[in-house]
C-alpha atoms as a PDB file:
ATOM      1  CA  GLY A   1      39.956 -14.097  29.964  1.00  0.00           C
ATOM      2  CA  GLN A   2      37.556 -15.523  27.318  1.00  0.00           C
ATOM      3  CA  PHE A   3      37.792 -15.858  23.820  1.00  0.00           C
ATOM      4  CA  LEU A   4      36.392 -17.444  20.722  1.00  0.00           C
ATOM      5  CA  ASP A   5      38.699 -20.375  19.300  1.00  0.00           C
ATOM      6  CA  ASP A   6      37.990 -23.024  16.274  1.00  0.00           C
ATOM      7  CA  ARG A   7      37.238 -26.725  17.136  1.00  0.00           C
ATOM      8  CA  HIS A   8      40.875 -27.703  17.328  1.00  0.00           C
ATOM      9  CA  SER A   9      41.411 -25.051  20.290  1.00  0.00           C
ATOM     10  CA  SER A  10      44.361 -23.380  18.142  1.00  0.00           C
ATOM     11  CA  ARG A  11      44.295 -20.204  20.119  1.00  0.00           C
ATOM     12  CA  PHE A  12      44.303 -21.480  23.139  1.00  0.00           C
ATOM     13  CA  ARG A  13      47.361 -23.740  22.189  1.00  0.00           C
ATOM     14  CA  THR A  14      49.017 -21.056  20.880  1.00  0.00           C
ATOM     15  CA  LEU A  15      48.255 -18.784  24.065  1.00  0.00           C
ATOM     16  CA  LEU A  16      49.745 -21.555  26.324  1.00  0.00           C
ATOM     17  CA  ALA A  17      53.145 -22.112  23.976  1.00  0.00           C
ATOM     18  CA  HIS A  18      53.794 -18.372  23.952  1.00  0.00           C
ATOM     19  CA  ASN A  19      52.884 -17.862  27.622  1.00  0.00           C
ATOM     20  CA  THR A  20      53.710 -20.734  29.836  1.00  0.00           C
ATOM     21  CA  PRO A  21      52.244 -20.542  33.115  1.00  0.00           C
ATOM     22  CA  VAL A  22      53.974 -21.826  36.381  1.00  0.00           C
ATOM     23  CA  GLN A  23      50.709 -22.753  38.061  1.00  0.00           C
ATOM     24  CA  ILE A  24      47.102 -23.187  36.768  1.00  0.00           C
ATOM     25  CA  LEU A  25      44.060 -22.599  39.273  1.00  0.00           C
ATOM     26  CA  PHE A  26      40.553 -23.637  38.179  1.00  0.00           C
ATOM     27  CA  GLU A  27      37.061 -24.430  39.178  1.00  0.00           C
ATOM     28  CA  ARG A  28      37.049 -28.109  40.011  1.00  0.00           C
ATOM     29  CA  GLY A  29      34.834 -29.751  37.481  1.00  0.00           C
ATOM     30  CA  ASN A  30      34.861 -26.621  35.157  1.00  0.00           C
ATOM     31  CA  PRO A  31      37.163 -26.982  32.296  1.00  0.00           C
ATOM     32  CA  SER A  32      36.226 -29.484  29.741  1.00  0.00           C
ATOM     33  CA  ALA A  33      37.777 -32.629  29.064  1.00  0.00           C
ATOM     34  CA  GLU A  34      39.370 -31.586  25.817  1.00  0.00           C
ATOM     35  CA  THR A  35      40.613 -28.610  27.700  1.00  0.00           C
ATOM     36  CA  GLN A  36      42.118 -30.484  30.744  1.00  0.00           C
ATOM     37  CA  LYS A  37      43.562 -32.652  27.895  1.00  0.00           C
ATOM     38  CA  ILE A  38      45.524 -30.016  25.917  1.00  0.00           C
ATOM     39  CA  MET A  39      46.568 -28.454  29.327  1.00  0.00           C
ATOM     40  CA  LYS A  40      48.143 -31.907  30.688  1.00  0.00           C
ATOM     41  CA  SER A  41      49.811 -32.675  27.480  1.00  0.00           C
ATOM     42  CA  LEU A  42      51.168 -28.940  26.667  1.00  0.00           C
ATOM     43  CA  LEU A  43      52.128 -28.135  30.514  1.00  0.00           C
ATOM     44  CA  PRO A  44      53.303 -31.374  32.015  1.00  0.00           C
ATOM     45  CA  SER A  45      55.389 -29.739  34.487  1.00  0.00           C
ATOM     46  CA  THR A  46      52.877 -26.720  35.227  1.00  0.00           C
ATOM     47  CA  VAL A  47      51.010 -27.433  38.511  1.00  0.00           C
ATOM     48  CA  GLN A  48      46.967 -27.912  37.711  1.00  0.00           C
ATOM     49  CA  GLU A  49      44.975 -27.595  40.660  1.00  0.00           C
ATOM     50  CA  GLY A  50      40.919 -27.690  40.668  1.00  0.00           C
ATOM     51  CA  LEU A  51      39.396 -25.376  43.489  1.00  0.00           C
ATOM     52  CA  THR A  52      36.118 -25.715  45.109  1.00  0.00           C
ATOM     53  CA  ALA A  53      33.727 -22.518  44.271  1.00  0.00           C
ATOM     54  CA  GLY A  54      32.673 -20.565  47.233  1.00  0.00           C
ATOM     55  CA  SER A  55      35.247 -21.996  49.837  1.00  0.00           C
ATOM     56  CA  GLN A  56      38.745 -22.199  48.228  1.00  0.00           C
ATOM     57  CA  PHE A  57      38.434 -19.029  45.799  1.00  0.00           C
ATOM     58  CA  TRP A  58      35.752 -16.238  45.600  1.00  0.00           C
ATOM     59  CA  ASN A  59      33.124 -15.439  42.988  1.00  0.00           C
ATOM     60  CA  ALA A  60      33.210 -11.999  41.092  1.00  0.00           C
ATOM     61  CA  SER A  61      30.495 -10.301  43.450  1.00  0.00           C
ATOM     62  CA  LYS A  62      32.349 -11.107  46.710  1.00  0.00           C
ATOM     63  CA  THR A  63      35.908 -10.157  45.313  1.00  0.00           C
ATOM     64  CA  LEU A  64      34.896  -6.664  44.256  1.00  0.00           C
ATOM     65  CA  LYS A  65      32.996  -6.113  47.281  1.00  0.00           C
ATOM     66  CA  THR A  66      35.918  -6.857  49.204  1.00  0.00           C
ATOM     67  CA  LEU A  67      38.301  -4.776  47.096  1.00  0.00           C
ATOM     68  CA  ILE A  68      35.744  -1.779  47.859  1.00  0.00           C
ATOM     69  CA  GLU A  69      34.857  -2.433  51.359  1.00  0.00           C
ATOM     70  CA  GLU A  70      38.327  -3.163  52.583  1.00  0.00           C
ATOM     71  CA  GLY A  71      39.580   0.098  50.945  1.00  0.00           C
ATOM     72  CA  TYR A  72      42.483  -1.886  48.943  1.00  0.00           C
ATOM     73  CA  PHE A  73      42.307   1.018  46.177  1.00  0.00           C
ATOM     74  CA  GLN A  74      41.518   3.906  48.672  1.00  0.00           C
ATOM     75  CA  ASP A  75      43.264   7.109  47.760  1.00  0.00           C
ATOM     76  CA  LYS A  76      46.021   7.704  50.380  1.00  0.00           C
ATOM     77  CA  GLU A  77      46.454  11.301  50.218  1.00  0.00           C
ATOM     78  CA  ASN A  78      42.458  11.887  50.386  1.00  0.00           C
ATOM     79  CA  SER A  79      41.372   9.583  53.300  1.00  0.00           C
ATOM     80  CA  ASN A  80      37.730  10.966  52.828  1.00  0.00           C
ATOM     81  CA  SER A  81      37.287   9.710  49.180  1.00  0.00           C
ATOM     82  CA  GLY A  82      35.603   6.401  48.498  1.00  0.00           C
ATOM     83  CA  ALA A  83      37.699   3.345  46.911  1.00  0.00           C
ATOM     84  CA  VAL A  84      38.267   4.019  43.046  1.00  0.00           C
ATOM     85  CA  LEU A  85      39.172   0.587  41.368  1.00  0.00           C
ATOM     86  CA  PRO A  86      41.559   0.700  38.500  1.00  0.00           C
ATOM     87  CA  PRO A  87      40.524   1.318  34.842  1.00  0.00           C
ATOM     88  CA  VAL A  88      41.415  -2.606  34.357  1.00  0.00           C
ATOM     89  CA  ILE A  89      38.913  -3.859  37.049  1.00  0.00           C
ATOM     90  CA  ARG A  90      36.601  -1.123  36.603  1.00  0.00           C
ATOM     91  CA  SER A  91      35.981  -2.157  32.674  1.00  0.00           C
ATOM     92  CA  MET A  92      35.026  -5.586  34.339  1.00  0.00           C
ATOM     93  CA  THR A  93      31.860  -4.109  36.338  1.00  0.00           C
ATOM     94  CA  ALA A  94      28.564  -3.506  35.059  1.00  0.00           C
ATOM     95  CA  GLU A  95      27.960   0.026  33.245  1.00  0.00           C
ATOM     96  CA  SER A  96      24.938   0.379  35.276  1.00  0.00           C
ATOM     97  CA  ASP A  97      26.529  -0.141  38.704  1.00  0.00           C
ATOM     98  CA  SER A  98      28.191   3.303  39.963  1.00  0.00           C
ATOM     99  CA  LEU A  99      29.399   1.634  43.152  1.00  0.00           C
ATOM    100  CA  GLY A 100      31.580  -0.991  41.063  1.00  0.00           C
ATOM    101  CA  LEU A 101      29.917  -3.926  43.111  1.00  0.00           C
ATOM    102  CA  THR A 102      28.401  -5.686  40.181  1.00  0.00           C
ATOM    103  CA  PRO A 103      30.589  -7.790  37.813  1.00  0.00           C
ATOM    104  CA  GLY A 104      29.874  -7.323  33.948  1.00  0.00           C
ATOM    105  CA  GLU A 105      28.530 -10.086  31.699  1.00  0.00           C
END
């Protein structure tokens, strides 16, 4: 997720303090040096792994396309109906795309 924060990263620090992750996966080279420093100091025992974009994880467009085409959310009772994305995923797609294949901004 994304959110606005102050220059001390207070919200990010609070988020990590209240919700301690077991593993953090991020795009290699993407988190700022300050963010990496915060994660290392607040979460020393958490596995933190930088992944290569495109080969070790998919972008939003490829993920949405795979979810739709592979029928992950196919209506089991009505196999003739198309895949319907859950509301939480649908809310992250572009409103102008009725197929749900375009990620929102």
